[in-house]
Amino acid sequence: MKKSEAAQVFQLGRNTIDLWLKQQAETGDYQAKSNRPHRTADKITDWDKFTQFAKLHGEKTQAGWRCGKGNISARTISRALDKIGLSRKKTYGYRERNAAKRATYVAQLADIPLAQRIYVDESGMDERDDYGYGWCERGVRFEALKSGRRAGRVNMIAAYCQSTHGALHAGRCL
């Protein structure tokens, strides 16, 4: 069959048939080339070792992990963490915390009548030496300790007493 007849029968352009014949002559096959990108080798080859590393260093940033794992991009690390089922979250507790002192405080608070209680809340911003997230299994919080001592902090304090709001400044209610 001539190329022009095949083009009419199969409703193809002659150029397409020419390209198929050229491909068959060069490669011995005329099958369509895959348009999928070829799969590259994973940069992380030992998944057990990576999982142990991730759990051991859950408080580090991905940039900090790259230092320990060689030349791996943040995106590759992110996909790997997702693949092994780790997600990003963190719960802080203070290193200086003391359960006995907390229990004593709660007992003393119970002795104060509700009408005489003033609730004071302090909030502030400071320079952090670590990040507010960590990596661990989905559904589990990453537990970490931080120092209660701060430097370079801006504090704000508010108070609430019997439906009255106020702001504390220099120890006085405004």
N, C-alpha and C. Protein backbone atom coordinates (compact mmCIF):
# COMPACT_ATOMS: atom_id res chain seq x y z
N MET A 1 0.85 -1.17 0.00
CA MET A 1 0.00 0.00 0.00
C MET A 1 0.90 1.23 0.00
N LYS A 2 0.53 2.23 -0.76
CA LYS A 2 1.29 3.47 -0.83
C LYS A 2 1.04 4.29 0.43
N LYS A 3 1.98 5.19 0.72
CA LYS A 3 1.85 6.06 1.89
C LYS A 3 0.59 6.92 1.77
N SER A 4 0.32 7.45 0.61
CA SER A 4 -0.84 8.32 0.43
C SER A 4 -2.15 7.55 0.64
N GLU A 5 -2.19 6.28 0.19
CA GLU A 5 -3.40 5.46 0.39
C GLU A 5 -3.57 5.14 1.88
N ALA A 6 -2.48 4.78 2.56
CA ALA A 6 -2.54 4.49 4.00
C ALA A 6 -2.97 5.72 4.78
N ALA A 7 -2.50 6.89 4.36
CA ALA A 7 -2.88 8.12 5.03
C ALA A 7 -4.38 8.35 4.92
N GLN A 8 -4.97 8.07 3.76
CA GLN A 8 -6.41 8.26 3.59
C GLN A 8 -7.20 7.21 4.38
N VAL A 9 -6.76 5.93 4.33
CA VAL A 9 -7.48 4.85 5.00
C VAL A 9 -7.50 5.07 6.52
N PHE A 10 -6.35 5.42 7.09
CA PHE A 10 -6.25 5.57 8.55
C PHE A 10 -6.45 7.01 9.03
N GLN A 11 -6.76 7.88 8.08
CA GLN A 11 -7.00 9.30 8.38
C GLN A 11 -5.84 9.91 9.16
N LEU A 12 -4.66 9.74 8.58
CA LEU A 12 -3.43 10.27 9.15
C LEU A 12 -2.76 11.17 8.13
N GLY A 13 -1.89 12.00 8.57
CA GLY A 13 -1.08 12.79 7.66
C GLY A 13 0.08 11.95 7.15
N ARG A 14 0.56 12.28 5.96
CA ARG A 14 1.70 11.54 5.39
C ARG A 14 2.93 11.73 6.27
N ASN A 15 3.05 12.93 6.87
CA ASN A 15 4.21 13.20 7.73
C ASN A 15 4.25 12.22 8.90
N THR A 16 3.08 11.89 9.47
CA THR A 16 3.03 10.94 10.59
C THR A 16 3.54 9.58 10.15
N ILE A 17 3.11 9.14 8.99
CA ILE A 17 3.57 7.84 8.48
C ILE A 17 5.08 7.88 8.22
N ASP A 18 5.58 9.00 7.66
CA ASP A 18 7.02 9.14 7.43
C ASP A 18 7.79 9.06 8.75
N LEU A 19 7.27 9.73 9.80
CA LEU A 19 7.94 9.70 11.10
C LEU A 19 7.95 8.29 11.68
N TRP A 20 6.84 7.53 11.51
CA TRP A 20 6.80 6.16 12.00
C TRP A 20 7.83 5.29 11.29
N LEU A 21 7.89 5.44 9.99
CA LEU A 21 8.85 4.64 9.22
C LEU A 21 10.29 5.00 9.58
N LYS A 22 10.53 6.29 9.81
CA LYS A 22 11.87 6.73 10.21
C LYS A 22 12.24 6.13 11.58
N GLN A 23 11.27 6.16 12.51
CA GLN A 23 11.52 5.60 13.84
C GLN A 23 11.78 4.10 13.76
N GLN A 24 11.04 3.40 12.90
CA GLN A 24 11.25 1.95 12.76
C GLN A 24 12.64 1.66 12.18
N ALA A 25 13.08 2.50 11.27
CA ALA A 25 14.40 2.29 10.67
C ALA A 25 15.51 2.54 11.69
N GLU A 26 15.32 3.53 12.56
CA GLU A 26 16.35 3.89 13.54
C GLU A 26 16.36 2.97 14.75
N THR A 27 15.18 2.61 15.25
CA THR A 27 15.12 1.85 16.50
C THR A 27 14.65 0.42 16.33
N GLY A 28 14.09 0.10 15.17
CA GLY A 28 13.55 -1.24 14.96
C GLY A 28 12.14 -1.38 15.50
N ASP A 29 11.55 -0.29 15.98
CA ASP A 29 10.21 -0.33 16.55
C ASP A 29 9.49 0.95 16.18
N TYR A 30 8.21 0.89 16.00
CA TYR A 30 7.43 2.09 15.66
C TYR A 30 6.40 2.41 16.74
N GLN A 31 6.53 1.80 17.93
CA GLN A 31 5.61 2.08 19.02
C GLN A 31 5.77 3.53 19.47
N ALA A 32 4.67 4.10 19.96
CA ALA A 32 4.70 5.48 20.43
C ALA A 32 5.63 5.61 21.63
N LYS A 33 6.31 6.73 21.68
CA LYS A 33 7.18 6.99 22.83
C LYS A 33 6.32 7.42 24.01
N SER A 34 6.73 7.03 25.19
CA SER A 34 6.01 7.41 26.40
C SER A 34 6.22 8.90 26.66
N ASN A 35 5.15 9.58 27.02
CA ASN A 35 5.29 10.99 27.36
C ASN A 35 5.51 11.20 28.86
N ARG A 36 5.58 10.11 29.62
CA ARG A 36 5.86 10.21 31.04
C ARG A 36 7.35 10.45 31.24
N PRO A 37 7.67 11.26 32.22
CA PRO A 37 9.10 11.44 32.50
C PRO A 37 9.67 10.14 33.06
N HIS A 38 10.91 9.87 32.72
CA HIS A 38 11.52 8.63 33.21
C HIS A 38 11.73 8.74 34.72
N ARG A 39 11.64 7.63 35.38
CA ARG A 39 11.77 7.59 36.84
C ARG A 39 13.24 7.66 37.21
N THR A 40 13.57 8.63 38.04
CA THR A 40 14.95 8.75 38.49
C THR A 40 15.14 7.91 39.75
N ALA A 41 16.34 7.58 40.05
CA ALA A 41 16.64 6.81 41.25
C ALA A 41 16.41 7.67 42.49
N ASP A 42 15.82 7.09 43.51
CA ASP A 42 15.58 7.82 44.75
C ASP A 42 16.91 8.20 45.39
N LYS A 43 16.98 9.43 45.89
CA LYS A 43 18.18 9.84 46.60
C LYS A 43 18.24 9.21 47.98
N ILE A 44 17.07 8.87 48.51
CA ILE A 44 17.01 8.18 49.80
C ILE A 44 16.84 6.70 49.48
N THR A 45 17.85 5.93 49.80
CA THR A 45 17.82 4.50 49.46
C THR A 45 17.54 3.62 50.67
N ASP A 46 18.00 4.02 51.85
CA ASP A 46 17.79 3.24 53.06
C ASP A 46 16.66 3.88 53.87
N TRP A 47 15.43 3.40 53.65
CA TRP A 47 14.26 4.03 54.27
C TRP A 47 14.21 3.80 55.77
N ASP A 48 14.71 2.67 56.25
CA ASP A 48 14.74 2.44 57.70
C ASP A 48 15.68 3.44 58.38
N LYS A 49 16.83 3.66 57.78
CA LYS A 49 17.80 4.60 58.33
C LYS A 49 17.24 6.02 58.30
N PHE A 50 16.56 6.39 57.19
CA PHE A 50 15.96 7.72 57.09
C PHE A 50 14.86 7.89 58.14
N THR A 51 14.04 6.87 58.35
CA THR A 51 12.97 6.95 59.35
C THR A 51 13.55 7.14 60.74
N GLN A 52 14.60 6.40 61.08
CA GLN A 52 15.26 6.57 62.38
C GLN A 52 15.82 7.98 62.52
N PHE A 53 16.47 8.47 61.46
CA PHE A 53 17.03 9.82 61.48
C PHE A 53 15.93 10.85 61.69
N ALA A 54 14.80 10.69 60.99
CA ALA A 54 13.69 11.64 61.10
C ALA A 54 13.12 11.66 62.51
N LYS A 55 12.97 10.49 63.13
CA LYS A 55 12.42 10.44 64.48
C LYS A 55 13.41 10.98 65.51
N LEU A 56 14.70 10.76 65.28
CA LEU A 56 15.72 11.24 66.21
C LEU A 56 15.88 12.76 66.13
N HIS A 57 15.74 13.32 64.93
CA HIS A 57 15.95 14.76 64.72
C HIS A 57 14.67 15.47 64.30
N GLY A 58 13.55 15.09 64.91
CA GLY A 58 12.25 15.66 64.55
C GLY A 58 12.14 17.16 64.78
N GLU A 59 12.97 17.71 65.67
CA GLU A 59 12.88 19.15 65.98
C GLU A 59 13.61 20.01 64.96
N LYS A 60 14.41 19.42 64.10
CA LYS A 60 15.20 20.21 63.14
C LYS A 60 14.36 20.65 61.96
N THR A 61 14.82 21.71 61.31
CA THR A 61 14.18 22.14 60.06
C THR A 61 14.71 21.26 58.93
N GLN A 62 14.06 21.33 57.78
CA GLN A 62 14.53 20.54 56.65
C GLN A 62 15.90 21.01 56.19
N ALA A 63 16.18 22.30 56.34
CA ALA A 63 17.51 22.81 56.00
C ALA A 63 18.55 22.17 56.90
N GLY A 64 18.23 21.99 58.18
CA GLY A 64 19.13 21.32 59.10
C GLY A 64 19.32 19.85 58.75
N TRP A 65 18.29 19.23 58.20
CA TRP A 65 18.39 17.83 57.80
C TRP A 65 19.29 17.67 56.60
N ARG A 66 19.26 18.63 55.69
CA ARG A 66 20.10 18.51 54.49
C ARG A 66 21.56 18.45 54.86
N CYS A 67 21.93 19.15 55.93
CA CYS A 67 23.33 19.10 56.38
C CYS A 67 23.70 17.67 56.78
N GLY A 68 22.76 16.97 57.40
CA GLY A 68 23.05 15.62 57.87
C GLY A 68 22.87 14.55 56.82
N LYS A 69 22.08 14.81 55.78
CA LYS A 69 21.76 13.77 54.81
C LYS A 69 22.39 14.01 53.44
N GLY A 70 23.30 14.96 53.32
CA GLY A 70 23.95 15.17 52.03
C GLY A 70 23.19 16.13 51.15
N ASN A 71 23.36 15.98 49.86
CA ASN A 71 22.78 16.91 48.89
C ASN A 71 21.36 16.47 48.50
N ILE A 72 20.41 16.70 49.39
CA ILE A 72 19.01 16.35 49.14
C ILE A 72 18.19 17.62 49.29
N SER A 73 17.31 17.88 48.33
CA SER A 73 16.51 19.10 48.36
C SER A 73 15.44 19.03 49.44
N ALA A 74 14.95 20.20 49.84
CA ALA A 74 13.89 20.27 50.84
C ALA A 74 12.63 19.57 50.32
N ARG A 75 12.36 19.69 49.03
CA ARG A 75 11.18 19.05 48.45
C ARG A 75 11.29 17.52 48.51
N THR A 76 12.48 16.99 48.26
CA THR A 76 12.68 15.54 48.34
C THR A 76 12.47 15.07 49.78
N ILE A 77 13.01 15.82 50.73
CA ILE A 77 12.83 15.46 52.15
C ILE A 77 11.35 15.53 52.52
N SER A 78 10.65 16.56 52.04
CA SER A 78 9.23 16.72 52.34
C SER A 78 8.42 15.53 51.80
N ARG A 79 8.70 15.12 50.57
CA ARG A 79 7.99 13.97 49.99
C ARG A 79 8.33 12.70 50.76
N ALA A 80 9.58 12.55 51.17
CA ALA A 80 9.99 11.36 51.92
C ALA A 80 9.31 11.31 53.28
N LEU A 81 9.20 12.45 53.96
CA LEU A 81 8.53 12.50 55.26
C LEU A 81 7.06 12.12 55.11
N ASP A 82 6.44 12.60 54.04
CA ASP A 82 5.05 12.25 53.78
C ASP A 82 4.93 10.75 53.48
N LYS A 83 5.88 10.21 52.75
CA LYS A 83 5.86 8.79 52.37
C LYS A 83 5.97 7.88 53.59
N ILE A 84 6.77 8.28 54.59
CA ILE A 84 6.91 7.44 55.79
C ILE A 84 5.86 7.78 56.85
N GLY A 85 4.95 8.72 56.53
CA GLY A 85 3.82 9.01 57.41
C GLY A 85 4.10 9.98 58.53
N LEU A 86 5.07 10.88 58.36
CA LEU A 86 5.33 11.89 59.39
C LEU A 86 4.68 13.20 58.99
N SER A 87 4.19 13.93 59.96
CA SER A 87 3.60 15.24 59.71
C SER A 87 4.22 16.25 60.66
N ARG A 88 3.94 17.53 60.44
CA ARG A 88 4.64 18.61 61.12
C ARG A 88 3.78 19.23 62.21
N LYS A 89 4.18 19.08 63.45
CA LYS A 89 3.50 19.70 64.58
C LYS A 89 4.38 19.56 65.82
N LYS A 90 4.12 20.37 66.81
CA LYS A 90 4.97 20.33 68.00
C LYS A 90 4.19 20.84 69.20
N THR A 91 4.41 20.24 70.35
CA THR A 91 3.84 20.70 71.61
C THR A 91 4.98 21.00 72.55
N TYR A 92 4.96 22.20 73.12
CA TYR A 92 6.03 22.61 74.03
C TYR A 92 5.65 22.38 75.48
N GLY A 93 6.63 22.11 76.29
CA GLY A 93 6.55 22.13 77.73
C GLY A 93 7.81 22.85 78.21
N TYR A 94 7.79 23.39 79.42
CA TYR A 94 8.96 24.09 79.93
C TYR A 94 9.88 23.14 80.69
N ARG A 95 11.17 23.28 80.47
CA ARG A 95 12.14 22.44 81.18
C ARG A 95 12.05 22.67 82.68
N GLU A 96 11.72 23.90 83.05
CA GLU A 96 11.68 24.27 84.47
C GLU A 96 10.36 23.88 85.16
N ARG A 97 9.47 23.21 84.49
CA ARG A 97 8.17 22.89 85.07
C ARG A 97 8.33 21.96 86.28
N ASN A 98 7.35 22.07 87.20
CA ASN A 98 7.42 21.32 88.44
C ASN A 98 5.99 20.90 88.81
N ALA A 99 5.69 19.61 88.74
CA ALA A 99 4.35 19.11 88.98
C ALA A 99 3.90 19.36 90.43
N ALA A 100 4.81 19.27 91.38
CA ALA A 100 4.45 19.48 92.79
C ALA A 100 4.04 20.94 93.03
N LYS A 101 4.79 21.88 92.47
CA LYS A 101 4.44 23.30 92.62
C LYS A 101 3.10 23.60 91.95
N ARG A 102 2.85 22.97 90.80
CA ARG A 102 1.59 23.19 90.10
C ARG A 102 0.42 22.69 90.95
N ALA A 103 0.56 21.52 91.57
CA ALA A 103 -0.51 20.96 92.42
C ALA A 103 -0.76 21.86 93.62
N THR A 104 0.28 22.40 94.22
CA THR A 104 0.14 23.33 95.36
C THR A 104 -0.62 24.57 94.92
N TYR A 105 -0.28 25.11 93.75
CA TYR A 105 -0.95 26.31 93.23
C TYR A 105 -2.44 26.05 92.99
N VAL A 106 -2.77 24.91 92.40
CA VAL A 106 -4.17 24.59 92.12
C VAL A 106 -4.95 24.47 93.43
N ALA A 107 -4.33 23.89 94.46
CA ALA A 107 -4.99 23.77 95.77
C ALA A 107 -5.23 25.15 96.38
N GLN A 108 -4.25 26.05 96.27
CA GLN A 108 -4.41 27.42 96.80
C GLN A 108 -5.49 28.17 96.03
N LEU A 109 -5.56 27.96 94.73
CA LEU A 109 -6.55 28.64 93.90
C LEU A 109 -7.96 28.21 94.29
N ALA A 110 -8.15 26.96 94.68
CA ALA A 110 -9.47 26.46 95.06
C ALA A 110 -10.00 27.17 96.30
N ASP A 111 -9.11 27.71 97.15
CA ASP A 111 -9.52 28.40 98.37
C ASP A 111 -10.03 29.82 98.12
N ILE A 112 -9.79 30.38 96.93
CA ILE A 112 -10.20 31.76 96.63
C ILE A 112 -11.59 31.74 96.01
N PRO A 113 -12.56 32.50 96.58
CA PRO A 113 -13.91 32.54 96.01
C PRO A 113 -13.88 33.11 94.58
N LEU A 114 -14.82 32.67 93.77
CA LEU A 114 -14.87 33.10 92.37
C LEU A 114 -14.96 34.63 92.24
N ALA A 115 -15.71 35.27 93.11
CA ALA A 115 -15.90 36.73 93.02
C ALA A 115 -14.60 37.49 93.26
N GLN A 116 -13.65 36.88 93.93
CA GLN A 116 -12.39 37.56 94.24
C GLN A 116 -11.26 37.18 93.28
N ARG A 117 -11.53 36.30 92.35
CA ARG A 117 -10.49 35.88 91.42
C ARG A 117 -10.32 36.88 90.28
N ILE A 118 -9.08 37.14 89.96
CA ILE A 118 -8.75 37.96 88.80
C ILE A 118 -7.86 37.10 87.91
N TYR A 119 -8.32 36.92 86.69
CA TYR A 119 -7.55 36.12 85.74
C TYR A 119 -6.65 37.04 84.93
N VAL A 120 -5.38 36.76 84.94
CA VAL A 120 -4.40 37.56 84.23
C VAL A 120 -3.72 36.67 83.20
N ASP A 121 -3.60 37.19 81.99
CA ASP A 121 -2.96 36.42 80.93
C ASP A 121 -1.84 37.25 80.34
N GLU A 122 -0.67 36.64 80.24
CA GLU A 122 0.50 37.29 79.65
C GLU A 122 0.74 36.68 78.29
N SER A 123 1.03 37.53 77.35
CA SER A 123 1.37 37.06 76.02
C SER A 123 2.55 37.88 75.54
N GLY A 124 3.33 37.32 74.68
CA GLY A 124 4.48 38.08 74.21
C GLY A 124 5.13 37.47 73.00
N MET A 125 6.10 38.20 72.50
CA MET A 125 6.86 37.75 71.33
C MET A 125 8.33 37.80 71.70
N ASP A 126 9.05 36.79 71.28
CA ASP A 126 10.48 36.76 71.57
C ASP A 126 11.24 36.15 70.40
N GLU A 127 12.55 36.30 70.46
CA GLU A 127 13.40 35.67 69.46
C GLU A 127 13.60 34.22 69.87
N ARG A 128 13.30 33.33 68.95
CA ARG A 128 13.37 31.90 69.27
C ARG A 128 14.65 31.29 68.75
N ASP A 129 15.15 30.34 69.52
CA ASP A 129 16.33 29.61 69.07
C ASP A 129 15.95 28.26 68.46
N ASP A 130 14.64 27.97 68.42
CA ASP A 130 14.16 26.77 67.73
C ASP A 130 12.82 27.09 67.08
N TYR A 131 12.26 26.12 66.40
CA TYR A 131 11.06 26.34 65.62
C TYR A 131 9.86 25.70 66.30
N GLY A 132 8.69 26.25 66.03
CA GLY A 132 7.46 25.81 66.67
C GLY A 132 6.84 24.59 66.03
N TYR A 133 7.61 23.77 65.37
CA TYR A 133 7.09 22.54 64.81
C TYR A 133 8.16 21.46 64.84
N GLY A 134 7.71 20.24 64.71
CA GLY A 134 8.61 19.09 64.64
C GLY A 134 7.94 18.00 63.83
N TRP A 135 8.66 17.01 63.42
CA TRP A 135 8.14 15.94 62.58
C TRP A 135 7.93 14.67 63.39
N CYS A 136 6.73 14.09 63.29
CA CYS A 136 6.47 12.80 63.91
C CYS A 136 5.25 12.17 63.23
N GLU A 137 4.86 10.96 63.67
CA GLU A 137 3.78 10.23 63.03
C GLU A 137 2.49 11.05 63.04
N ARG A 138 1.65 10.82 62.03
CA ARG A 138 0.35 11.50 61.98
C ARG A 138 -0.46 11.13 63.20
N GLY A 139 -1.14 12.11 63.77
CA GLY A 139 -1.97 11.88 64.94
C GLY A 139 -1.23 11.94 66.25
N VAL A 140 0.08 12.14 66.23
CA VAL A 140 0.90 12.20 67.44
C VAL A 140 1.60 13.55 67.48
N ARG A 141 1.59 14.21 68.63
CA ARG A 141 2.26 15.51 68.76
C ARG A 141 3.74 15.29 69.04
N PHE A 142 4.58 16.15 68.50
CA PHE A 142 6.01 16.11 68.78
C PHE A 142 6.23 16.83 70.10
N GLU A 143 6.77 16.14 71.07
CA GLU A 143 7.01 16.72 72.40
C GLU A 143 8.42 17.29 72.46
N ALA A 144 8.55 18.52 72.95
CA ALA A 144 9.86 19.15 73.06
C ALA A 144 9.87 20.04 74.30
N LEU A 145 11.05 20.31 74.80
CA LEU A 145 11.21 21.21 75.94
C LEU A 145 11.93 22.46 75.48
N LYS A 146 11.58 23.58 76.11
CA LYS A 146 12.27 24.83 75.83
C LYS A 146 12.51 25.54 77.14
N SER A 147 13.41 26.45 77.14
CA SER A 147 13.72 27.20 78.35
C SER A 147 12.65 28.25 78.59
N GLY A 148 12.30 28.44 79.85
CA GLY A 148 11.35 29.49 80.22
C GLY A 148 12.01 30.85 80.30
N ARG A 149 13.32 30.88 80.22
CA ARG A 149 14.07 32.15 80.28
C ARG A 149 14.14 32.73 78.87
N ARG A 150 13.82 34.00 78.77
CA ARG A 150 13.78 34.62 77.45
C ARG A 150 14.63 35.88 77.43
N ALA A 151 15.02 36.26 76.24
CA ALA A 151 15.75 37.51 76.04
C ALA A 151 15.13 38.23 74.86
N GLY A 152 15.13 39.55 74.90
CA GLY A 152 14.59 40.32 73.79
C GLY A 152 13.11 40.06 73.59
N ARG A 153 12.33 40.14 74.67
CA ARG A 153 10.90 39.79 74.61
C ARG A 153 10.04 41.03 74.82
N VAL A 154 8.93 41.08 74.11
CA VAL A 154 7.92 42.12 74.30
C VAL A 154 6.71 41.44 74.92
N ASN A 155 6.27 41.91 76.09
CA ASN A 155 5.16 41.29 76.80
C ASN A 155 3.93 42.17 76.80
N MET A 156 2.76 41.53 76.79
CA MET A 156 1.48 42.21 76.95
C MET A 156 0.71 41.45 78.01
N ILE A 157 0.03 42.16 78.90
CA ILE A 157 -0.70 41.52 79.98
C ILE A 157 -2.12 42.07 80.01
N ALA A 158 -3.11 41.18 80.13
CA ALA A 158 -4.51 41.57 80.23
C ALA A 158 -5.12 40.88 81.45
N ALA A 159 -6.20 41.46 81.99
CA ALA A 159 -6.85 40.91 83.18
C ALA A 159 -8.35 40.85 82.97
N TYR A 160 -9.01 39.90 83.70
CA TYR A 160 -10.45 39.72 83.63
C TYR A 160 -10.95 39.43 85.04
N CYS A 161 -11.96 40.21 85.49
CA CYS A 161 -12.52 40.01 86.82
C CYS A 161 -14.00 40.36 86.78
N GLN A 162 -14.87 39.38 87.00
CA GLN A 162 -16.32 39.60 87.07
C GLN A 162 -16.84 40.46 85.92
N SER A 163 -16.64 40.02 84.69
CA SER A 163 -17.10 40.68 83.47
C SER A 163 -16.44 42.02 83.21
N THR A 164 -15.33 42.32 83.88
CA THR A 164 -14.60 43.56 83.65
C THR A 164 -13.24 43.22 83.05
N HIS A 165 -12.91 43.88 81.96
CA HIS A 165 -11.63 43.66 81.30
C HIS A 165 -10.71 44.83 81.63
N GLY A 166 -9.44 44.57 81.66
CA GLY A 166 -8.49 45.65 81.89
C GLY A 166 -7.12 45.26 81.37
N ALA A 167 -6.27 46.25 81.28
CA ALA A 167 -4.90 46.01 80.87
C ALA A 167 -3.99 46.41 82.01
N LEU A 168 -3.01 45.60 82.32
CA LEU A 168 -2.07 45.91 83.38
C LEU A 168 -0.85 46.61 82.78
N HIS A 169 -0.44 47.67 83.46
CA HIS A 169 0.75 48.39 83.01
C HIS A 169 1.51 48.82 84.27
N ALA A 170 2.74 48.44 84.35
CA ALA A 170 3.60 48.77 85.49
C ALA A 170 2.93 48.37 86.81
N GLY A 171 2.25 47.21 86.79
CA GLY A 171 1.66 46.68 88.01
C GLY A 171 0.34 47.30 88.38
N ARG A 172 -0.19 48.21 87.59
CA ARG A 172 -1.47 48.85 87.91
C ARG A 172 -2.50 48.47 86.85
N CYS A 173 -3.74 48.39 87.26
CA CYS A 173 -4.83 48.08 86.33
C CYS A 173 -5.30 49.37 85.70
N LEU A 174 -5.35 49.43 84.38
CA LEU A 174 -5.78 50.66 83.68
C LEU A 174 -7.21 50.57 83.26
